Amino acid sequence: QVQLVESGGGLVQAGGSLRLSCAASGRAFSSYAMGWFRQAPGKEREFVAHISRSDGSTNYENSVKGRFIISRDNAKNTVYLQMNSLKPEDTAVYYCAASIVAITPTSGAQYWGQGTQVTVSS
């Protein structure tokens, strides 16, 4: 069992930056692939980024490539999402996710955080 708690959301102007954190409790954090998803009002939840449990390889949803960076610190049981050059369309609730298998846009995840709100004003 893994518990995930996100933090770092807030209100930022377009072009600004935010860093989201997700602290995991439970066993063997390094055994889990980690990811971020988001859900905007009236839309389905969508994949944002994934980082592998093994070699730290990453992949991103196309609209955030070059602007967002996912990273993990296994010593701190924490995964991060650095978000730069934010746009109003990035406004959403952002969810941290963990899975024993790789996280893809269609796979979902085994464990979810409660979400943190990110609002980007124009």
PDB file of N, CA and C in Angstrom:
ATOM      1  N   GLN A   1       0.846  -1.192   0.000  1.00  0.00           N
ATOM      2  CA  GLN A   1       0.000   0.000   0.000  1.00  0.00           C
ATOM      3  C   GLN A   1       0.883   1.244   0.000  1.00  0.00           C
ATOM      4  N   VAL A   2       0.490   2.231  -0.803  1.00  0.00           N
ATOM      5  CA  VAL A   2       1.228   3.486  -0.906  1.00  0.00           C
ATOM      6  C   VAL A   2       0.245   4.628  -0.699  1.00  0.00           C
ATOM      7  N   GLN A   3       0.598   5.565   0.144  1.00  0.00           N
ATOM      8  CA  GLN A   3      -0.189   6.786   0.309  1.00  0.00           C
ATOM      9  C   GLN A   3       0.574   7.939  -0.321  1.00  0.00           C
ATOM     10  N   LEU A   4      -0.143   8.749  -1.066  1.00  0.00           N
ATOM     11  CA  LEU A   4       0.471   9.849  -1.808  1.00  0.00           C
ATOM     12  C   LEU A   4      -0.159  11.170  -1.387  1.00  0.00           C
ATOM     13  N   VAL A   5       0.680  12.157  -1.123  1.00  0.00           N
ATOM     14  CA  VAL A   5       0.191  13.477  -0.724  1.00  0.00           C
ATOM     15  C   VAL A   5       0.888  14.538  -1.571  1.00  0.00           C
ATOM     16  N   GLU A   6       0.106  15.255  -2.362  1.00  0.00           N
ATOM     17  CA  GLU A   6       0.642  16.305  -3.221  1.00  0.00           C
ATOM     18  C   GLU A   6       0.676  17.637  -2.490  1.00  0.00           C
ATOM     19  N   SER A   7       1.576  18.497  -2.923  1.00  0.00           N
ATOM     20  CA  SER A   7       1.645  19.868  -2.432  1.00  0.00           C
ATOM     21  C   SER A   7       2.277  20.733  -3.508  1.00  0.00           C
ATOM     22  N   GLY A   8       2.173  22.048  -3.323  1.00  0.00           N
ATOM     23  CA  GLY A   8       2.841  22.971  -4.233  1.00  0.00           C
ATOM     24  C   GLY A   8       1.943  23.662  -5.242  1.00  0.00           C
ATOM     25  N   GLY A   9       0.679  23.291  -5.269  1.00  0.00           N
ATOM     26  CA  GLY A   9      -0.219  23.958  -6.199  1.00  0.00           C
ATOM     27  C   GLY A   9      -0.500  25.385  -5.778  1.00  0.00           C
ATOM     28  N   GLY A  10      -1.171  26.130  -6.654  1.00  0.00           N
ATOM     29  CA  GLY A  10      -1.512  27.498  -6.323  1.00  0.00           C
ATOM     30  C   GLY A  10      -1.902  28.281  -7.554  1.00  0.00           C
ATOM     31  N   LEU A  11      -1.923  29.598  -7.388  1.00  0.00           N
ATOM     32  CA  LEU A  11      -2.280  30.524  -8.456  1.00  0.00           C
ATOM     33  C   LEU A  11      -1.017  31.189  -8.984  1.00  0.00           C
ATOM     34  N   VAL A  12      -0.854  31.181 -10.295  1.00  0.00           N
ATOM     35  CA  VAL A  12       0.325  31.778 -10.914  1.00  0.00           C
ATOM     36  C   VAL A  12      -0.092  32.452 -12.221  1.00  0.00           C
ATOM     37  N   GLN A  13       0.628  33.476 -12.604  1.00  0.00           N
ATOM     38  CA  GLN A  13       0.344  34.149 -13.872  1.00  0.00           C
ATOM     39  C   GLN A  13       0.928  33.346 -15.033  1.00  0.00           C
ATOM     40  N   ALA A  14       0.349  33.523 -16.182  1.00  0.00           N
ATOM     41  CA  ALA A  14       0.860  32.873 -17.386  1.00  0.00           C
ATOM     42  C   ALA A  14       2.337  33.232 -17.571  1.00  0.00           C
ATOM     43  N   GLY A  15       3.116  32.215 -17.933  1.00  0.00           N
ATOM     44  CA  GLY A  15       4.547  32.393 -18.081  1.00  0.00           C
ATOM     45  C   GLY A  15       5.336  32.075 -16.821  1.00  0.00           C
ATOM     46  N   GLY A  16       4.640  31.927 -15.719  1.00  0.00           N
ATOM     47  CA  GLY A  16       5.301  31.632 -14.457  1.00  0.00           C
ATOM     48  C   GLY A  16       5.608  30.163 -14.262  1.00  0.00           C
ATOM     49  N   SER A  17       6.108  29.843 -13.077  1.00  0.00           N
ATOM     50  CA  SER A  17       6.508  28.472 -12.759  1.00  0.00           C
ATOM     51  C   SER A  17       5.945  28.031 -11.413  1.00  0.00           C
ATOM     52  N   LEU A  18       5.765  26.737 -11.297  1.00  0.00           N
ATOM     53  CA  LEU A  18       5.407  26.108 -10.035  1.00  0.00           C
ATOM     54  C   LEU A  18       6.118  24.765  -9.961  1.00  0.00           C
ATOM     55  N   ARG A  19       6.401  24.315  -8.742  1.00  0.00           N
ATOM     56  CA  ARG A  19       6.919  22.964  -8.570  1.00  0.00           C
ATOM     57  C   ARG A  19       5.987  22.196  -7.650  1.00  0.00           C
ATOM     58  N   LEU A  20       5.442  21.123  -8.165  1.00  0.00           N
ATOM     59  CA  LEU A  20       4.601  20.237  -7.377  1.00  0.00           C
ATOM     60  C   LEU A  20       5.464  19.153  -6.749  1.00  0.00           C
ATOM     61  N   SER A  21       5.095  18.771  -5.540  1.00  0.00           N
ATOM     62  CA  SER A  21       5.758  17.665  -4.856  1.00  0.00           C
ATOM     63  C   SER A  21       4.728  16.614  -4.493  1.00  0.00           C
ATOM     64  N   CYS A  22       5.175  15.386  -4.448  1.00  0.00           N
ATOM     65  CA  CYS A  22       4.309  14.288  -4.041  1.00  0.00           C
ATOM     66  C   CYS A  22       5.111  13.402  -3.088  1.00  0.00           C
ATOM     67  N   ALA A  23       4.719  13.411  -1.837  1.00  0.00           N
ATOM     68  CA  ALA A  23       5.392  12.600  -0.827  1.00  0.00           C
ATOM     69  C   ALA A  23       4.668  11.266  -0.686  1.00  0.00           C
ATOM     70  N   ALA A  24       5.445  10.197  -0.744  1.00  0.00           N
ATOM     71  CA  ALA A  24       4.877   8.856  -0.660  1.00  0.00           C
ATOM     72  C   ALA A  24       5.235   8.202   0.666  1.00  0.00           C
ATOM     73  N   SER A  25       4.282   7.562   1.244  1.00  0.00           N
ATOM     74  CA  SER A  25       4.544   6.762   2.435  1.00  0.00           C
ATOM     75  C   SER A  25       4.208   5.316   2.132  1.00  0.00           C
ATOM     76  N   GLY A  26       4.763   4.425   2.901  1.00  0.00           N
ATOM     77  CA  GLY A  26       4.600   3.019   2.598  1.00  0.00           C
ATOM     78  C   GLY A  26       5.947   2.432   2.246  1.00  0.00           C
ATOM     79  N   ARG A  27       5.906   1.254   1.716  1.00  0.00           N
ATOM     80  CA  ARG A  27       7.153   0.544   1.502  1.00  0.00           C
ATOM     81  C   ARG A  27       7.654   0.648   0.071  1.00  0.00           C
ATOM     82  N   ALA A  28       8.961   0.612  -0.061  1.00  0.00           N
ATOM     83  CA  ALA A  28       9.612   0.412  -1.354  1.00  0.00           C
ATOM     84  C   ALA A  28       9.196   1.427  -2.404  1.00  0.00           C
ATOM     85  N   PHE A  29       9.341   2.700  -2.087  1.00  0.00           N
ATOM     86  CA  PHE A  29       9.003   3.756  -3.053  1.00  0.00           C
ATOM     87  C   PHE A  29       9.743   3.539  -4.361  1.00  0.00           C
ATOM     88  N   SER A  30      10.987   3.123  -4.284  1.00  0.00           N
ATOM     89  CA  SER A  30      11.793   2.968  -5.500  1.00  0.00           C
ATOM     90  C   SER A  30      11.279   1.846  -6.393  1.00  0.00           C
ATOM     91  N   SER A  31      10.381   1.028  -5.896  1.00  0.00           N
ATOM     92  CA  SER A  31       9.820  -0.061  -6.691  1.00  0.00           C
ATOM     93  C   SER A  31       8.651   0.382  -7.560  1.00  0.00           C
ATOM     94  N   TYR A  32       8.238   1.620  -7.419  1.00  0.00           N
ATOM     95  CA  TYR A  32       7.065   2.103  -8.126  1.00  0.00           C
ATOM     96  C   TYR A  32       7.438   3.090  -9.226  1.00  0.00           C
ATOM     97  N   ALA A  33       6.830   2.899 -10.377  1.00  0.00           N
ATOM     98  CA  ALA A  33       6.822   3.948 -11.375  1.00  0.00           C
ATOM     99  C   ALA A  33       5.912   5.056 -10.854  1.00  0.00           C
ATOM    100  N   MET A  34       6.280   6.298 -11.130  1.00  0.00           N
ATOM    101  CA  MET A  34       5.513   7.439 -10.633  1.00  0.00           C
ATOM    102  C   MET A  34       5.053   8.302 -11.806  1.00  0.00           C
ATOM    103  N   GLY A  35       3.944   8.958 -11.607  1.00  0.00           N
ATOM    104  CA  GLY A  35       3.436   9.800 -12.687  1.00  0.00           C
ATOM    105  C   GLY A  35       2.591  10.947 -12.169  1.00  0.00           C
ATOM    106  N   TRP A  36       2.281  11.839 -13.082  1.00  0.00           N
ATOM    107  CA  TRP A  36       1.371  12.946 -12.817  1.00  0.00           C
ATOM    108  C   TRP A  36       0.276  12.946 -13.875  1.00  0.00           C
ATOM    109  N   PHE A  37      -0.942  13.172 -13.417  1.00  0.00           N
ATOM    110  CA  PHE A  37      -2.098  13.355 -14.274  1.00  0.00           C
ATOM    111  C   PHE A  37      -2.748  14.674 -13.897  1.00  0.00           C
ATOM    112  N   ARG A  38      -3.653  15.142 -14.737  1.00  0.00           N
ATOM    113  CA  ARG A  38      -4.397  16.354 -14.405  1.00  0.00           C
ATOM    114  C   ARG A  38      -5.820  16.257 -14.928  1.00  0.00           C
ATOM    115  N   GLN A  39      -6.701  16.997 -14.272  1.00  0.00           N
ATOM    116  CA  GLN A  39      -8.084  17.040 -14.707  1.00  0.00           C
ATOM    117  C   GLN A  39      -8.591  18.469 -14.633  1.00  0.00           C
ATOM    118  N   ALA A  40      -8.941  18.993 -15.789  1.00  0.00           N
ATOM    119  CA  ALA A  40      -9.502  20.337 -15.880  1.00  0.00           C
ATOM    120  C   ALA A  40     -11.020  20.258 -15.737  1.00  0.00           C
ATOM    121  N   PRO A  41     -11.658  21.361 -15.364  1.00  0.00           N
ATOM    122  CA  PRO A  41     -13.116  21.358 -15.191  1.00  0.00           C
ATOM    123  C   PRO A  41     -13.833  20.910 -16.459  1.00  0.00           C
ATOM    124  N   GLY A  42     -14.729  19.954 -16.322  1.00  0.00           N
ATOM    125  CA  GLY A  42     -15.507  19.484 -17.448  1.00  0.00           C
ATOM    126  C   GLY A  42     -14.770  18.550 -18.383  1.00  0.00           C
ATOM    127  N   LYS A  43     -13.543  18.179 -18.020  1.00  0.00           N
ATOM    128  CA  LYS A  43     -12.755  17.298 -18.891  1.00  0.00           C
ATOM    129  C   LYS A  43     -12.367  16.032 -18.147  1.00  0.00           C
ATOM    130  N   GLU A  44     -11.982  15.028 -18.918  1.00  0.00           N
ATOM    131  CA  GLU A  44     -11.500  13.799 -18.312  1.00  0.00           C
ATOM    132  C   GLU A  44     -10.067  13.981 -17.810  1.00  0.00           C
ATOM    133  N   ARG A  45      -9.709  13.143 -16.852  1.00  0.00           N
ATOM    134  CA  ARG A  45      -8.332  13.174 -16.359  1.00  0.00           C
ATOM    135  C   ARG A  45      -7.385  12.733 -17.476  1.00  0.00           C
ATOM    136  N   GLU A  46      -6.247  13.430 -17.594  1.00  0.00           N
ATOM    137  CA  GLU A  46      -5.295  13.107 -18.656  1.00  0.00           C
ATOM    138  C   GLU A  46      -3.890  12.952 -18.106  1.00  0.00           C
ATOM    139  N   PHE A  47      -3.146  12.133 -18.791  1.00  0.00           N
ATOM    140  CA  PHE A  47      -1.748  11.873 -18.455  1.00  0.00           C
ATOM    141  C   PHE A  47      -0.908  13.111 -18.684  1.00  0.00           C
ATOM    142  N   VAL A  48       0.034  13.369 -17.793  1.00  0.00           N
ATOM    143  CA  VAL A  48       0.960  14.490 -17.943  1.00  0.00           C
ATOM    144  C   VAL A  48       2.401  13.997 -18.103  1.00  0.00           C
ATOM    145  N   ALA A  49       2.856  13.171 -17.160  1.00  0.00           N
ATOM    146  CA  ALA A  49       4.262  12.746 -17.187  1.00  0.00           C
ATOM    147  C   ALA A  49       4.442  11.455 -16.395  1.00  0.00           C
ATOM    148  N   HIS A  50       5.511  10.740 -16.736  1.00  0.00           N
ATOM    149  CA  HIS A  50       5.851   9.473 -16.078  1.00  0.00           C
ATOM    150  C   HIS A  50       7.357   9.388 -15.888  1.00  0.00           C
ATOM    151  N   ILE A  51       7.752   8.796 -14.761  1.00  0.00           N
ATOM    152  CA  ILE A  51       9.167   8.494 -14.540  1.00  0.00           C
ATOM    153  C   ILE A  51       9.259   7.049 -14.077  1.00  0.00           C
ATOM    154  N   SER A  52      10.189   6.325 -14.686  1.00  0.00           N
ATOM    155  CA  SER A  52      10.278   4.887 -14.423  1.00  0.00           C
ATOM    156  C   SER A  52      10.839   4.616 -13.040  1.00  0.00           C
ATOM    157  N   ARG A  53      10.638   3.387 -12.588  1.00  0.00           N
ATOM    158  CA  ARG A  53      11.151   2.975 -11.284  1.00  0.00           C
ATOM    159  C   ARG A  53      12.599   2.537 -11.382  1.00  0.00           C
ATOM    160  N   SER A  54      13.065   2.229 -12.587  1.00  0.00           N
ATOM    161  CA  SER A  54      14.376   1.609 -12.734  1.00  0.00           C
ATOM    162  C   SER A  54      15.454   2.615 -13.114  1.00  0.00           C
ATOM    163  N   ASP A  55      15.412   3.093 -14.346  1.00  0.00           N
ATOM    164  CA  ASP A  55      16.507   3.928 -14.844  1.00  0.00           C
ATOM    165  C   ASP A  55      16.164   5.413 -14.861  1.00  0.00           C
ATOM    166  N   GLY A  56      14.994   5.766 -14.322  1.00  0.00           N
ATOM    167  CA  GLY A  56      14.625   7.177 -14.276  1.00  0.00           C
ATOM    168  C   GLY A  56      14.239   7.759 -15.617  1.00  0.00           C
ATOM    169  N   SER A  57      13.944   6.901 -16.584  1.00  0.00           N
ATOM    170  CA  SER A  57      13.523   7.421 -17.882  1.00  0.00           C
ATOM    171  C   SER A  57      12.159   8.083 -17.739  1.00  0.00           C
ATOM    172  N   THR A  58      11.933   9.058 -18.596  1.00  0.00           N
ATOM    173  CA  THR A  58      10.716   9.859 -18.493  1.00  0.00           C
ATOM    174  C   THR A  58       9.981   9.932 -19.828  1.00  0.00           C
ATOM    175  N   ASN A  59       8.708  10.232 -19.755  1.00  0.00           N
ATOM    176  CA  ASN A  59       7.961  10.586 -20.952  1.00  0.00           C
ATOM    177  C   ASN A  59       6.848  11.549 -20.561  1.00  0.00           C
ATOM    178  N   TYR A  60       6.416  12.325 -21.551  1.00  0.00           N
ATOM    179  CA  TYR A  60       5.518  13.441 -21.306  1.00  0.00           C
ATOM    180  C   TYR A  60       4.392  13.496 -22.326  1.00  0.00           C
ATOM    181  N   GLU A  61       3.311  14.086 -21.886  1.00  0.00           N
ATOM    182  CA  GLU A  61       2.236  14.414 -22.822  1.00  0.00           C
ATOM    183  C   GLU A  61       2.750  15.527 -23.734  1.00  0.00           C
ATOM    184  N   ASN A  62       2.347  15.501 -24.990  1.00  0.00           N
ATOM    185  CA  ASN A  62       2.947  16.402 -25.980  1.00  0.00           C
ATOM    186  C   ASN A  62       2.853  17.873 -25.610  1.00  0.00           C
ATOM    187  N   SER A  63       1.751  18.299 -25.040  1.00  0.00           N
ATOM    188  CA  SER A  63       1.567  19.727 -24.793  1.00  0.00           C
ATOM    189  C   SER A  63       2.465  20.263 -23.673  1.00  0.00           C
ATOM    190  N   VAL A  64       3.064  19.386 -22.882  1.00  0.00           N
ATOM    191  CA  VAL A  64       3.925  19.857 -21.786  1.00  0.00           C
ATOM    192  C   VAL A  64       5.407  19.592 -22.057  1.00  0.00           C
ATOM    193  N   LYS A  65       5.712  18.897 -23.143  1.00  0.00           N
ATOM    194  CA  LYS A  65       7.118  18.624 -23.470  1.00  0.00           C
ATOM    195  C   LYS A  65       7.892  19.920 -23.619  1.00  0.00           C
ATOM    196  N   GLY A  66       9.068  19.957 -22.999  1.00  0.00           N
ATOM    197  CA  GLY A  66       9.901  21.144 -23.057  1.00  0.00           C
ATOM    198  C   GLY A  66       9.554  22.196 -22.011  1.00  0.00           C
ATOM    199  N   ARG A  67       8.421  22.014 -21.325  1.00  0.00           N
ATOM    200  CA  ARG A  67       8.030  22.976 -20.288  1.00  0.00           C
ATOM    201  C   ARG A  67       7.999  22.334 -18.896  1.00  0.00           C
ATOM    202  N   PHE A  68       7.601  21.074 -18.808  1.00  0.00           N
ATOM    203  CA  PHE A  68       7.490  20.371 -17.530  1.00  0.00           C
ATOM    204  C   PHE A  68       8.625  19.359 -17.408  1.00  0.00           C
ATOM    205  N   ILE A  69       9.077  19.176 -16.175  1.00  0.00           N
ATOM    206  CA  ILE A  69      10.101  18.172 -15.886  1.00  0.00           C
ATOM    207  C   ILE A  69       9.680  17.350 -14.680  1.00  0.00           C
ATOM    208  N   ILE A  70       9.638  16.042 -14.852  1.00  0.00           N
ATOM    209  CA  ILE A  70       9.350  15.143 -13.740  1.00  0.00           C
ATOM    210  C   ILE A  70      10.661  14.573 -13.223  1.00  0.00           C
ATOM    211  N   SER A  71      10.771  14.470 -11.907  1.00  0.00           N
ATOM    212  CA  SER A  71      11.965  13.901 -11.295  1.00  0.00           C
ATOM    213  C   SER A  71      11.573  13.201 -10.003  1.00  0.00           C
ATOM    214  N   ARG A  72      12.474  12.405  -9.491  1.00  0.00           N
ATOM    215  CA  ARG A  72      12.193  11.696  -8.237  1.00  0.00           C
ATOM    216  C   ARG A  72      13.434  11.656  -7.361  1.00  0.00           C
ATOM    217  N   ASP A  73      13.214  11.639  -6.065  1.00  0.00           N
ATOM    218  CA  ASP A  73      14.275  11.497  -5.087  1.00  0.00           C
ATOM    219  C   ASP A  73      13.891  10.300  -4.222  1.00  0.00           C
ATOM    220  N   ASN A  74      14.481   9.164  -4.518  1.00  0.00           N
ATOM    221  CA  ASN A  74      14.095   7.939  -3.803  1.00  0.00           C
ATOM    222  C   ASN A  74      14.485   7.988  -2.331  1.00  0.00           C
ATOM    223  N   ALA A  75      15.518   8.744  -1.996  1.00  0.00           N
ATOM    224  CA  ALA A  75      15.918   8.866  -0.593  1.00  0.00           C
ATOM    225  C   ALA A  75      14.867   9.617   0.223  1.00  0.00           C
ATOM    226  N   LYS A  76      14.126  10.491  -0.457  1.00  0.00           N
ATOM    227  CA  LYS A  76      13.094  11.283   0.223  1.00  0.00           C
ATOM    228  C   LYS A  76      11.683  10.779  -0.060  1.00  0.00           C
ATOM    229  N   ASN A  77      11.581   9.686  -0.827  1.00  0.00           N
ATOM    230  CA  ASN A  77      10.264   9.150  -1.181  1.00  0.00           C
ATOM    231  C   ASN A  77       9.369  10.222  -1.805  1.00  0.00           C
ATOM    232  N   THR A  78       9.936  10.979  -2.708  1.00  0.00           N
ATOM    233  CA  THR A  78       9.226  12.127  -3.269  1.00  0.00           C
ATOM    234  C   THR A  78       9.422  12.190  -4.779  1.00  0.00           C
ATOM    235  N   VAL A  79       8.359  12.539  -5.466  1.00  0.00           N
ATOM    236  CA  VAL A  79       8.420  12.818  -6.895  1.00  0.00           C
ATOM    237  C   VAL A  79       7.995  14.271  -7.101  1.00  0.00           C
ATOM    238  N   TYR A  80       8.603  14.909  -8.090  1.00  0.00           N
ATOM    239  CA  TYR A  80       8.376  16.328  -8.344  1.00  0.00           C
ATOM    240  C   TYR A  80       7.875  16.532  -9.768  1.00  0.00           C
ATOM    241  N   LEU A  81       7.183  17.648  -9.958  1.00  0.00           N
ATOM    242  CA  LEU A  81       6.836  18.100 -11.298  1.00  0.00           C
ATOM    243  C   LEU A  81       7.151  19.594 -11.367  1.00  0.00           C
ATOM    244  N   GLN A  82       8.246  19.915 -12.042  1.00  0.00           N
ATOM    245  CA  GLN A  82       8.606  21.310 -12.268  1.00  0.00           C
ATOM    246  C   GLN A  82       7.858  21.795 -13.496  1.00  0.00           C
ATOM    247  N   MET A  83       7.063  22.821 -13.330  1.00  0.00           N
ATOM    248  CA  MET A  83       6.233  23.333 -14.420  1.00  0.00           C
ATOM    249  C   MET A  83       6.673  24.756 -14.746  1.00  0.00           C
ATOM    250  N   ASN A  84       7.167  24.945 -15.956  1.00  0.00           N
ATOM    251  CA  ASN A  84       7.644  26.244 -16.418  1.00  0.00           C
ATOM    252  C   ASN A  84       6.787  26.736 -17.574  1.00  0.00           C
ATOM    253  N   SER A  85       6.892  28.031 -17.841  1.00  0.00           N
ATOM    254  CA  SER A  85       6.154  28.641 -18.959  1.00  0.00           C
ATOM    255  C   SER A  85       4.689  28.227 -18.923  1.00  0.00           C
ATOM    256  N   LEU A  86       4.089  28.361 -17.773  1.00  0.00           N
ATOM    257  CA  LEU A  86       2.713  27.899 -17.596  1.00  0.00           C
ATOM    258  C   LEU A  86       1.741  28.705 -18.445  1.00  0.00           C
ATOM    259  N   LYS A  87       0.714  28.008 -18.898  1.00  0.00           N
ATOM    260  CA  LYS A  87      -0.319  28.597 -19.747  1.00  0.00           C
ATOM    261  C   LYS A  87      -1.677  28.445 -19.060  1.00  0.00           C
ATOM    262  N   PRO A  88      -2.636  29.294 -19.395  1.00  0.00           N
ATOM    263  CA  PRO A  88      -3.974  29.145 -18.789  1.00  0.00           C
ATOM    264  C   PRO A  88      -4.565  27.750 -19.013  1.00  0.00           C
ATOM    265  N   GLU A  89      -4.244  27.131 -20.130  1.00  0.00           N
ATOM    266  CA  GLU A  89      -4.774  25.785 -20.393  1.00  0.00           C
ATOM    267  C   GLU A  89      -4.138  24.707 -19.521  1.00  0.00           C
ATOM    268  N   ASP A  90      -3.134  25.056 -18.739  1.00  0.00           N
ATOM    269  CA  ASP A  90      -2.564  24.112 -17.771  1.00  0.00           C
ATOM    270  C   ASP A  90      -3.379  24.075 -16.474  1.00  0.00           C
ATOM    271  N   THR A  91      -4.351  24.962 -16.359  1.00  0.00           N
ATOM    272  CA  THR A  91      -5.184  24.999 -15.165  1.00  0.00           C
ATOM    273  C   THR A  91      -5.923  23.678 -14.987  1.00  0.00           C
ATOM    274  N   ALA A  92      -5.762  23.069 -13.821  1.00  0.00           N
ATOM    275  CA  ALA A  92      -6.361  21.764 -13.552  1.00  0.00           C
ATOM    276  C   ALA A  92      -6.038  21.350 -12.123  1.00  0.00           C
ATOM    277  N   VAL A  93      -6.675  20.298 -11.689  1.00  0.00           N
ATOM    278  CA  VAL A  93      -6.237  19.601 -10.484  1.00  0.00           C
ATOM    279  C   VAL A  93      -5.207  18.572 -10.912  1.00  0.00           C
ATOM    280  N   TYR A  94      -4.054  18.605 -10.274  1.00  0.00           N
ATOM    281  CA  TYR A  94      -2.967  17.703 -10.622  1.00  0.00           C
ATOM    282  C   TYR A  94      -2.880  16.581  -9.596  1.00  0.00           C
ATOM    283  N   TYR A  95      -2.815  15.360 -10.124  1.00  0.00           N
ATOM    284  CA  TYR A  95      -2.794  14.167  -9.279  1.00  0.00           C
ATOM    285  C   TYR A  95      -1.480  13.414  -9.441  1.00  0.00           C
ATOM    286  N   CYS A  96      -0.931  12.998  -8.347  1.00  0.00           N
ATOM    287  CA  CYS A  96       0.227  12.118  -8.320  1.00  0.00           C
ATOM    288  C   CYS A  96      -0.261  10.676  -8.387  1.00  0.00           C
ATOM    289  N   ALA A  97       0.511   9.821  -9.051  1.00  0.00           N
ATOM    290  CA  ALA A  97       0.108   8.429  -9.211  1.00  0.00           C
ATOM    291  C   ALA A  97       1.310   7.507  -9.070  1.00  0.00           C
ATOM    292  N   ALA A  98       1.050   6.299  -8.595  1.00  0.00           N
ATOM    293  CA  ALA A  98       2.103   5.301  -8.437  1.00  0.00           C
ATOM    294  C   ALA A  98       1.611   3.969  -8.960  1.00  0.00           C
ATOM    295  N   SER A  99       2.540   3.213  -9.551  1.00  0.00           N
ATOM    296  CA  SER A  99       2.166   1.921 -10.096  1.00  0.00           C
ATOM    297  C   SER A  99       3.370   0.998 -10.123  1.00  0.00           C
ATOM    298  N   ILE A 100       3.112  -0.301  -9.968  1.00  0.00           N
ATOM    299  CA  ILE A 100       4.176  -1.289 -10.072  1.00  0.00           C
ATOM    300  C   ILE A 100       4.657  -1.413 -11.514  1.00  0.00           C
ATOM    301  N   VAL A 101       3.754  -1.180 -12.455  1.00  0.00           N
ATOM    302  CA  VAL A 101       4.118  -1.237 -13.865  1.00  0.00           C
ATOM    303  C   VAL A 101       4.227   0.180 -14.406  1.00  0.00           C
ATOM    304  N   ALA A 102       4.737   0.302 -15.606  1.00  0.00           N
ATOM    305  CA  ALA A 102       4.899   1.621 -16.202  1.00  0.00           C
ATOM    306  C   ALA A 102       3.556   2.333 -16.333  1.00  0.00           C
ATOM    307  N   ILE A 103       3.577   3.623 -16.135  1.00  0.00           N
ATOM    308  CA  ILE A 103       2.383   4.451 -16.254  1.00  0.00           C
ATOM    309  C   ILE A 103       2.347   5.054 -17.652  1.00  0.00           C
ATOM    310  N   THR A 104       1.284   4.812 -18.339  1.00  0.00           N
ATOM    311  CA  THR A 104       1.128   5.338 -19.694  1.00  0.00           C
ATOM    312  C   THR A 104      -0.167   6.144 -19.748  1.00  0.00           C
ATOM    313  N   PRO A 105      -0.401   6.855 -20.854  1.00  0.00           N
ATOM    314  CA  PRO A 105      -1.644   7.628 -20.959  1.00  0.00           C
ATOM    315  C   PRO A 105      -2.914   6.795 -20.819  1.00  0.00           C
ATOM    316  N   THR A 106      -2.826   5.496 -21.102  1.00  0.00           N
ATOM    317  CA  THR A 106      -4.034   4.670 -21.040  1.00  0.00           C
ATOM    318  C   THR A 106      -4.025   3.670 -19.900  1.00  0.00           C
ATOM    319  N   SER A 107      -2.908   3.528 -19.207  1.00  0.00           N
ATOM    320  CA  SER A 107      -2.830   2.477 -18.191  1.00  0.00           C
ATOM    321  C   SER A 107      -3.428   2.881 -16.858  1.00  0.00           C
ATOM    322  N   GLY A 108      -3.450   4.182 -16.573  1.00  0.00           N
ATOM    323  CA  GLY A 108      -3.857   4.574 -15.245  1.00  0.00           C
ATOM    324  C   GLY A 108      -2.785   4.203 -14.240  1.00  0.00           C
ATOM    325  N   ALA A 109      -3.189   4.052 -12.973  1.00  0.00           N
ATOM    326  CA  ALA A 109      -2.228   3.732 -11.918  1.00  0.00           C
ATOM    327  C   ALA A 109      -2.935   2.998 -10.792  1.00  0.00           C
ATOM    328  N   GLN A 110      -2.125   2.400  -9.910  1.00  0.00           N
ATOM    329  CA  GLN A 110      -2.701   1.653  -8.786  1.00  0.00           C
ATOM    330  C   GLN A 110      -3.072   2.568  -7.635  1.00  0.00           C
ATOM    331  N   TYR A 111      -2.261   3.602  -7.426  1.00  0.00           N
ATOM    332  CA  TYR A 111      -2.461   4.478  -6.281  1.00  0.00           C
ATOM    333  C   TYR A 111      -2.499   5.924  -6.740  1.00  0.00           C
ATOM    334  N   TRP A 112      -3.350   6.709  -6.053  1.00  0.00           N
ATOM    335  CA  TRP A 112      -3.553   8.110  -6.415  1.00  0.00           C
ATOM    336  C   TRP A 112      -3.497   8.997  -5.189  1.00  0.00           C
ATOM    337  N   GLY A 113      -2.992  10.217  -5.392  1.00  0.00           N
ATOM    338  CA  GLY A 113      -3.089  11.225  -4.368  1.00  0.00           C
ATOM    339  C   GLY A 113      -4.430  11.923  -4.432  1.00  0.00           C
ATOM    340  N   GLN A 114      -4.623  12.891  -3.550  1.00  0.00           N
ATOM    341  CA  GLN A 114      -5.917  13.577  -3.473  1.00  0.00           C
ATOM    342  C   GLN A 114      -6.009  14.747  -4.440  1.00  0.00           C
ATOM    343  N   GLY A 115      -4.882  15.154  -4.997  1.00  0.00           N
ATOM    344  CA  GLY A 115      -4.858  16.224  -5.977  1.00  0.00           C
ATOM    345  C   GLY A 115      -4.510  17.573  -5.375  1.00  0.00           C
ATOM    346  N   THR A 116      -3.925  18.412  -6.212  1.00  0.00           N
ATOM    347  CA  THR A 116      -3.610  19.785  -5.827  1.00  0.00           C
ATOM    348  C   THR A 116      -3.991  20.706  -6.975  1.00  0.00           C
ATOM    349  N   GLN A 117      -4.611  21.818  -6.649  1.00  0.00           N
ATOM    350  CA  GLN A 117      -5.137  22.732  -7.679  1.00  0.00           C
ATOM    351  C   GLN A 117      -4.023  23.637  -8.208  1.00  0.00           C
ATOM    352  N   VAL A 118      -3.942  23.716  -9.519  1.00  0.00           N
ATOM    353  CA  VAL A 118      -3.061  24.672 -10.193  1.00  0.00           C
ATOM    354  C   VAL A 118      -3.941  25.571 -11.056  1.00  0.00           C
ATOM    355  N   THR A 119      -3.823  26.862 -10.838  1.00  0.00           N
ATOM    356  CA  THR A 119      -4.593  27.832 -11.604  1.00  0.00           C
ATOM    357  C   THR A 119      -3.635  28.825 -12.236  1.00  0.00           C
ATOM    358  N   VAL A 120      -3.721  28.953 -13.561  1.00  0.00           N
ATOM    359  CA  VAL A 120      -2.858  29.865 -14.306  1.00  0.00           C
ATOM    360  C   VAL A 120      -3.727  30.979 -14.878  1.00  0.00           C
ATOM    361  N   SER A 121      -3.455  32.197 -14.464  1.00  0.00           N
ATOM    362  CA  SER A 121      -4.232  33.331 -14.933  1.00  0.00           C
ATOM    363  C   SER A 121      -3.583  33.959 -16.159  1.00  0.00           C
ATOM    364  N   SER A 122      -4.416  34.506 -17.019  1.00  0.00           N
ATOM    365  CA  SER A 122      -3.898  35.103 -18.266  1.00  0.00           C
ATOM    366  C   SER A 122      -3.583  36.581 -18.088  1.00  0.00           C
TER     367      SER A 122
END
